[in-house]
Amino acid sequence: MSLDRRLHAFRADLAEASLQGKVEAAAFTEGAPYRVTASVLPVRGTPRPGAPLDTELLFGEDVTVFDRRDGWSWIKAARDGYVGYVPNAGLTPVEDPVQPTHRLAALRSFLFPRPDLKTPPIQHLHHGSLLRVKDTSGEYLELDTGGFVYAPHVRAADRFDTDPVETARLYTHTPYLWGGRSSVGLDCSALVQLAWLACGIPCPRDSDMQRDGFGESVAFGGDESTLKRGDLVFWKGHVGIWISPESFLHANASDMCVAERGFAETAAHIENKGEGPVIGVRRPPLPAAAAS
């Protein structure tokens, strides 16, 4: 069985140490820990600016760097195991492996140089960004790397959302972006992943990964009575969240945004575009509060 290069770091000249004995490579490495310091960091399949966008990493996420050259790092993301190339400028070495204390719960916010809303922000932050807070200053939280975030936009890292459907709805009208994974733009599978991660539930990145192994398979022959709120419905290369017959939520290239409309209408539109019928349904894990 061939290994998925999206989840396994191996090239002819170098591979991650865990693959020794499984792949052929001139050398193997454990890699080194780094952290994302950019608001959003693009991950590409090849180390060049014009290469297609595979996914994105958010501020505060950790990666393992296997190789650095010509302005690019070959990495594996800690959160979902995704492998690819990112610009060196968006990473910093991790000297102290401090775990996140908080995460951004608002759709987006700002990092300020001082605890003062009138100061020009250093950078913007996106929902799901991981924060390491060292102090409090009035209504602001100071990060260990510097900068201040408005406290009401932040939630403790161990205080998870209780309903991934409502979390996904935060992104309504967010523009569609192939490979995108932020509040500025995202694709169908990123919407699902970010919603479930906010609830403390690990979720694969791409729709085929979600279809093949996220939650339990549900037999579906077109009868919506077999579906439950939060079920994931898949087409070839596409996924969305079934809420009710009147409400199906997905990031899609027809609306070019995250949109919610009736499931029957959506399914008919997708099939009429020549993209085929539903090919699977999964019932993903839910937080206890949502599942009850």
Protein backbone atom coordinates (compact mmCIF):
# COMPACT_ATOMS: atom_id res chain seq x y z
CA MET A 1 0.00 0.00 0.00
CA SER A 2 1.41 3.39 -1.00
CA LEU A 3 1.71 6.07 1.65
CA ASP A 4 -0.28 9.29 1.36
CA ARG A 5 2.22 12.07 0.76
CA ARG A 6 -0.16 14.56 2.36
CA LEU A 7 0.36 12.80 5.69
CA HIS A 8 3.82 11.25 5.35
CA ALA A 9 7.00 13.25 4.75
CA PHE A 10 9.27 11.42 2.36
CA ARG A 11 11.41 12.33 -0.62
CA ALA A 12 14.28 10.53 -2.32
CA ASP A 13 16.82 12.58 -0.35
CA LEU A 14 15.06 12.82 3.02
CA ALA A 15 12.20 11.38 5.07
CA GLU A 16 10.78 11.66 8.57
CA ALA A 17 12.43 9.25 10.99
CA SER A 18 9.18 7.38 11.74
CA LEU A 19 9.19 6.10 8.13
CA GLN A 20 12.55 4.37 8.37
CA GLY A 21 12.10 0.83 7.09
CA LYS A 22 8.89 1.82 5.28
CA VAL A 23 10.30 4.07 2.54
CA GLU A 24 13.61 4.49 0.77
CA ALA A 25 15.44 7.76 1.35
CA ALA A 26 19.06 8.89 1.44
CA ALA A 27 18.62 10.20 5.00
CA PHE A 28 16.06 10.30 7.80
CA THR A 29 15.42 13.04 10.35
CA GLU A 30 13.37 13.69 13.48
CA GLY A 31 13.02 17.31 12.40
CA ALA A 32 12.87 20.35 14.66
CA PRO A 33 9.92 22.08 16.37
CA TYR A 34 8.73 25.41 14.98
CA ARG A 35 5.65 27.56 15.50
CA VAL A 36 3.57 29.64 13.10
CA THR A 37 3.92 33.38 13.69
CA ALA A 38 2.09 34.56 10.57
CA SER A 39 -1.64 35.25 10.72
CA VAL A 40 -2.11 32.62 8.01
CA LEU A 41 0.67 30.54 6.51
CA PRO A 42 0.15 28.91 3.07
CA VAL A 43 1.08 25.24 2.68
CA ARG A 44 1.99 24.19 -0.86
CA GLY A 45 2.91 20.89 -2.47
CA THR A 46 6.07 22.33 -4.02
CA PRO A 47 8.33 25.14 -2.74
CA ARG A 48 7.37 27.96 -5.07
CA PRO A 49 4.99 30.91 -4.61
CA GLY A 50 2.83 30.02 -7.62
CA ALA A 51 2.23 26.42 -6.60
CA PRO A 52 -1.38 25.44 -5.79
CA LEU A 53 -2.51 26.03 -2.22
CA ASP A 54 -2.98 22.72 -0.39
CA THR A 55 -3.98 24.10 3.01
CA GLU A 56 -3.12 26.84 5.49
CA LEU A 57 -1.81 27.04 9.03
CA LEU A 58 -2.99 29.51 11.64
CA PHE A 59 -1.11 31.67 14.12
CA GLY A 60 0.22 29.62 17.04
CA GLU A 61 0.02 26.20 15.40
CA ASP A 62 3.06 23.94 15.79
CA VAL A 63 4.92 22.12 13.04
CA THR A 64 7.91 19.85 12.65
CA VAL A 65 10.44 21.20 10.15
CA PHE A 66 12.41 18.54 8.26
CA ASP A 67 14.30 20.77 5.83
CA ARG A 68 14.93 24.50 5.27
CA ARG A 69 16.37 25.89 2.07
CA ASP A 70 15.87 28.70 -0.45
CA GLY A 71 13.34 30.47 1.75
CA TRP A 72 11.08 27.43 2.27
CA SER A 73 10.54 24.90 5.04
CA TRP A 74 9.34 21.33 4.48
CA ILE A 75 6.98 20.70 7.39
CA LYS A 76 4.43 18.46 9.03
CA ALA A 77 1.62 20.14 10.94
CA ALA A 78 1.06 19.01 14.52
CA ARG A 79 -2.68 19.58 14.47
CA ASP A 80 -3.66 17.39 11.51
CA GLY A 81 -0.41 15.85 10.26
CA TYR A 82 -0.47 17.66 6.91
CA VAL A 83 2.83 17.76 5.01
CA GLY A 84 3.98 20.49 2.66
CA TYR A 85 6.14 23.53 2.05
CA VAL A 86 5.72 26.89 3.80
CA PRO A 87 7.63 30.20 3.62
CA ASN A 88 10.37 30.40 6.27
CA ALA A 89 9.28 33.91 7.21
CA GLY A 90 6.11 32.64 8.87
CA LEU A 91 7.85 30.32 11.34
CA THR A 92 9.93 30.67 14.49
CA PRO A 93 11.90 27.97 16.35
CA VAL A 94 10.27 26.61 19.49
CA GLU A 95 12.69 26.84 22.40
CA ASP A 96 10.11 26.33 25.12
CA PRO A 97 7.35 23.84 24.24
CA VAL A 98 4.59 25.80 26.01
CA GLN A 99 1.14 24.45 25.19
CA PRO A 100 -1.59 26.89 24.09
CA THR A 101 -3.46 28.44 26.98
CA HIS A 102 -6.18 30.02 24.84
CA ARG A 103 -7.63 30.08 21.34
CA LEU A 104 -9.38 32.75 19.34
CA ALA A 105 -13.14 32.12 19.54
CA ALA A 106 -14.25 35.19 17.55
CA LEU A 107 -14.29 34.86 13.79
CA ARG A 108 -11.34 37.26 13.63
CA SER A 109 -9.57 39.79 15.80
CA PHE A 110 -6.37 41.83 16.08
CA LEU A 111 -3.04 41.59 17.83
CA PHE A 112 -2.17 45.04 19.21
CA PRO A 113 1.27 46.30 20.30
CA ARG A 114 -0.31 47.77 23.44
CA PRO A 115 -3.59 47.17 25.32
CA ASP A 116 -5.19 50.08 23.51
CA LEU A 117 -7.71 49.78 20.68
CA LYS A 118 -6.45 53.05 19.16
CA THR A 119 -3.01 51.65 18.40
CA PRO A 120 -2.48 50.27 14.90
CA PRO A 121 -2.57 46.46 15.17
CA ILE A 122 0.50 44.32 14.56
CA GLN A 123 -1.49 41.71 12.66
CA HIS A 124 -4.91 40.13 12.44
CA LEU A 125 -5.85 36.76 13.93
CA HIS A 126 -8.37 34.17 12.78
CA HIS A 127 -10.83 31.90 14.53
CA GLY A 128 -8.98 28.85 15.81
CA SER A 129 -5.62 30.56 16.23
CA LEU A 130 -3.70 29.17 19.21
CA LEU A 131 -2.55 31.63 21.86
CA ARG A 132 -0.14 31.46 24.78
CA VAL A 133 -1.13 34.09 27.31
CA LYS A 134 1.33 35.28 29.94
CA ASP A 135 -0.51 38.18 31.57
CA THR A 136 -3.70 40.24 31.73
CA SER A 137 -3.95 43.98 31.22
CA GLY A 138 -7.48 45.27 31.74
CA GLU A 139 -9.64 43.92 28.91
CA TYR A 140 -6.61 42.56 27.06
CA LEU A 141 -4.48 39.44 27.26
CA GLU A 142 -0.73 39.67 26.67
CA LEU A 143 0.84 36.89 24.63
CA ASP A 144 4.19 35.33 25.52
CA THR A 145 5.53 36.45 22.13
CA GLY A 146 4.33 40.02 22.65
CA GLY A 147 1.18 41.79 21.65
CA PHE A 148 -2.28 42.06 23.17
CA VAL A 149 -5.59 40.44 22.21
CA TYR A 150 -9.03 41.66 23.27
CA ALA A 151 -10.02 39.19 26.01
CA PRO A 152 -13.74 38.76 25.09
CA HIS A 153 -12.61 37.39 21.70
CA VAL A 154 -10.60 34.65 23.40
CA ARG A 155 -11.51 31.41 25.15
CA ALA A 156 -9.43 29.13 27.38
CA ALA A 157 -7.84 26.33 25.37
CA ASP A 158 -9.70 23.66 27.34
CA ARG A 159 -13.08 25.42 27.06
CA PHE A 160 -14.45 23.95 23.86
CA ASP A 161 -17.49 24.84 21.79
CA THR A 162 -20.43 22.53 22.32
CA ASP A 163 -22.05 22.55 18.87
CA PRO A 164 -19.96 22.25 15.68
CA VAL A 165 -22.96 23.23 13.56
CA GLU A 166 -23.25 26.61 15.26
CA THR A 167 -19.49 27.05 15.12
CA ALA A 168 -19.54 26.36 11.38
CA ARG A 169 -22.29 28.96 11.00
CA LEU A 170 -19.84 31.62 12.24
CA TYR A 171 -18.27 31.35 8.78
CA THR A 172 -21.49 32.09 6.86
CA HIS A 173 -20.70 34.30 3.83
CA THR A 174 -16.94 33.75 4.24
CA PRO A 175 -15.50 33.62 0.70
CA TYR A 176 -14.67 30.26 -0.82
CA LEU A 177 -10.94 29.67 -1.32
CA TRP A 178 -9.50 26.40 -2.60
CA GLY A 179 -7.08 25.22 0.09
CA GLY A 180 -8.07 28.08 2.37
CA ARG A 181 -8.43 27.50 6.09
CA SER A 182 -9.16 30.87 7.68
CA SER A 183 -11.91 33.43 8.19
CA VAL A 184 -10.67 35.29 5.09
CA GLY A 185 -11.36 32.30 2.86
CA LEU A 186 -11.75 28.55 3.20
CA ASP A 187 -12.87 25.44 1.36
CA CYS A 188 -15.52 22.85 2.16
CA SER A 189 -13.38 20.46 4.21
CA ALA A 190 -11.67 23.27 6.13
CA LEU A 191 -15.09 24.49 7.28
CA VAL A 192 -15.78 21.03 8.71
CA GLN A 193 -12.34 20.66 10.25
CA LEU A 194 -12.32 24.06 11.97
CA ALA A 195 -15.81 23.57 13.39
CA TRP A 196 -14.97 20.22 14.94
CA LEU A 197 -11.53 21.33 16.17
CA ALA A 198 -13.23 24.19 18.04
CA CYS A 199 -15.23 21.52 19.86
CA GLY A 200 -12.05 19.69 20.86
CA ILE A 201 -12.53 16.90 18.31
CA PRO A 202 -9.60 16.13 15.96
CA CYS A 203 -10.68 16.09 12.32
CA PRO A 204 -8.79 15.26 9.11
CA ARG A 205 -8.09 18.08 6.69
CA ASP A 206 -9.37 16.94 3.28
CA SER A 207 -12.83 15.74 2.28
CA ASP A 208 -11.66 12.29 1.14
CA MET A 209 -9.91 11.79 4.50
CA GLN A 210 -13.10 12.83 6.29
CA ARG A 211 -15.23 10.56 4.10
CA ASP A 212 -12.98 7.55 4.69
CA GLY A 213 -12.43 7.80 8.42
CA PHE A 214 -14.16 10.59 10.35
CA GLY A 215 -16.96 9.23 12.50
CA GLU A 216 -19.27 6.42 11.47
CA SER A 217 -20.60 5.59 8.02
CA VAL A 218 -24.33 6.13 7.52
CA ALA A 219 -26.29 4.21 4.87
CA PHE A 220 -28.02 6.78 2.70
CA GLY A 221 -30.17 6.16 -0.34
CA GLY A 222 -31.69 9.61 -0.66
CA ASP A 223 -34.12 9.51 2.28
CA GLU A 224 -33.33 12.46 4.54
CA SER A 225 -35.15 10.83 7.44
CA THR A 226 -32.01 8.73 7.90
CA LEU A 227 -29.92 11.86 8.52
CA LYS A 228 -29.23 13.63 11.79
CA ARG A 229 -28.19 17.20 12.52
CA GLY A 230 -24.42 17.45 12.04
CA ASP A 231 -24.10 14.58 9.57
CA LEU A 232 -21.53 15.12 6.83
CA VAL A 233 -22.68 14.52 3.26
CA PHE A 234 -20.10 13.86 0.57
CA TRP A 235 -19.85 14.18 -3.18
CA LYS A 236 -16.68 13.55 -5.13
CA GLY A 237 -14.31 16.23 -3.83
CA HIS A 238 -16.95 17.98 -1.74
CA VAL A 239 -18.51 17.89 1.74
CA GLY A 240 -21.17 19.80 3.64
CA ILE A 241 -23.04 19.70 6.93
CA TRP A 242 -26.66 18.52 7.00
CA ILE A 243 -28.69 20.43 9.60
CA SER A 244 -32.27 19.84 8.50
CA PRO A 245 -34.11 19.39 5.18
CA GLU A 246 -34.23 23.18 4.92
CA SER A 247 -30.63 23.77 6.03
CA PHE A 248 -27.48 22.40 4.47
CA LEU A 249 -24.29 24.34 5.17
CA HIS A 250 -21.22 24.21 2.97
CA ALA A 251 -18.37 26.28 1.56
CA ASN A 252 -18.87 26.02 -2.17
CA ALA A 253 -17.65 27.38 -5.48
CA SER A 254 -21.15 28.05 -6.86
CA ASP A 255 -21.95 30.68 -4.23
CA MET A 256 -18.21 31.37 -3.80
CA CYS A 257 -18.80 31.49 -0.07
CA VAL A 258 -20.15 29.55 2.89
CA ALA A 259 -23.88 29.28 2.24
CA GLU A 260 -26.89 27.59 3.79
CA ARG A 261 -29.90 26.42 1.81
CA GLY A 262 -32.14 23.37 1.41
CA PHE A 263 -30.47 19.99 1.01
CA ALA A 264 -32.60 18.76 -1.92
CA GLU A 265 -31.95 21.99 -3.82
CA THR A 266 -28.22 21.72 -3.10
CA ALA A 267 -27.96 18.06 -4.14
CA ALA A 268 -29.87 18.72 -7.37
CA HIS A 269 -27.68 21.69 -8.21
CA ILE A 270 -24.48 19.72 -7.64
CA GLU A 271 -25.71 16.83 -9.79
CA ASN A 272 -26.94 19.15 -12.54
CA LYS A 273 -23.47 20.69 -12.69
CA GLY A 274 -22.18 17.25 -13.61
CA GLU A 275 -20.44 16.61 -10.32
CA GLY A 276 -22.37 13.44 -9.59
CA PRO A 277 -24.60 12.15 -6.80
CA VAL A 278 -23.98 11.82 -3.08
CA ILE A 279 -21.26 9.20 -2.54
CA GLY A 280 -21.31 8.91 1.25
CA VAL A 281 -22.54 10.13 4.60
CA ARG A 282 -20.61 10.13 7.86
CA ARG A 283 -21.87 10.75 11.38
CA PRO A 284 -18.95 12.48 13.08
CA PRO A 285 -18.32 12.46 16.81
CA LEU A 286 -20.09 15.25 18.68
CA PRO A 287 -19.44 16.92 22.03
CA ALA A 288 -21.54 15.41 24.81
CA ALA A 289 -23.77 18.49 25.01
CA ALA A 290 -24.56 18.38 21.27
CA ALA A 291 -25.05 14.62 21.15
CA SER A 292 -27.53 14.53 24.02
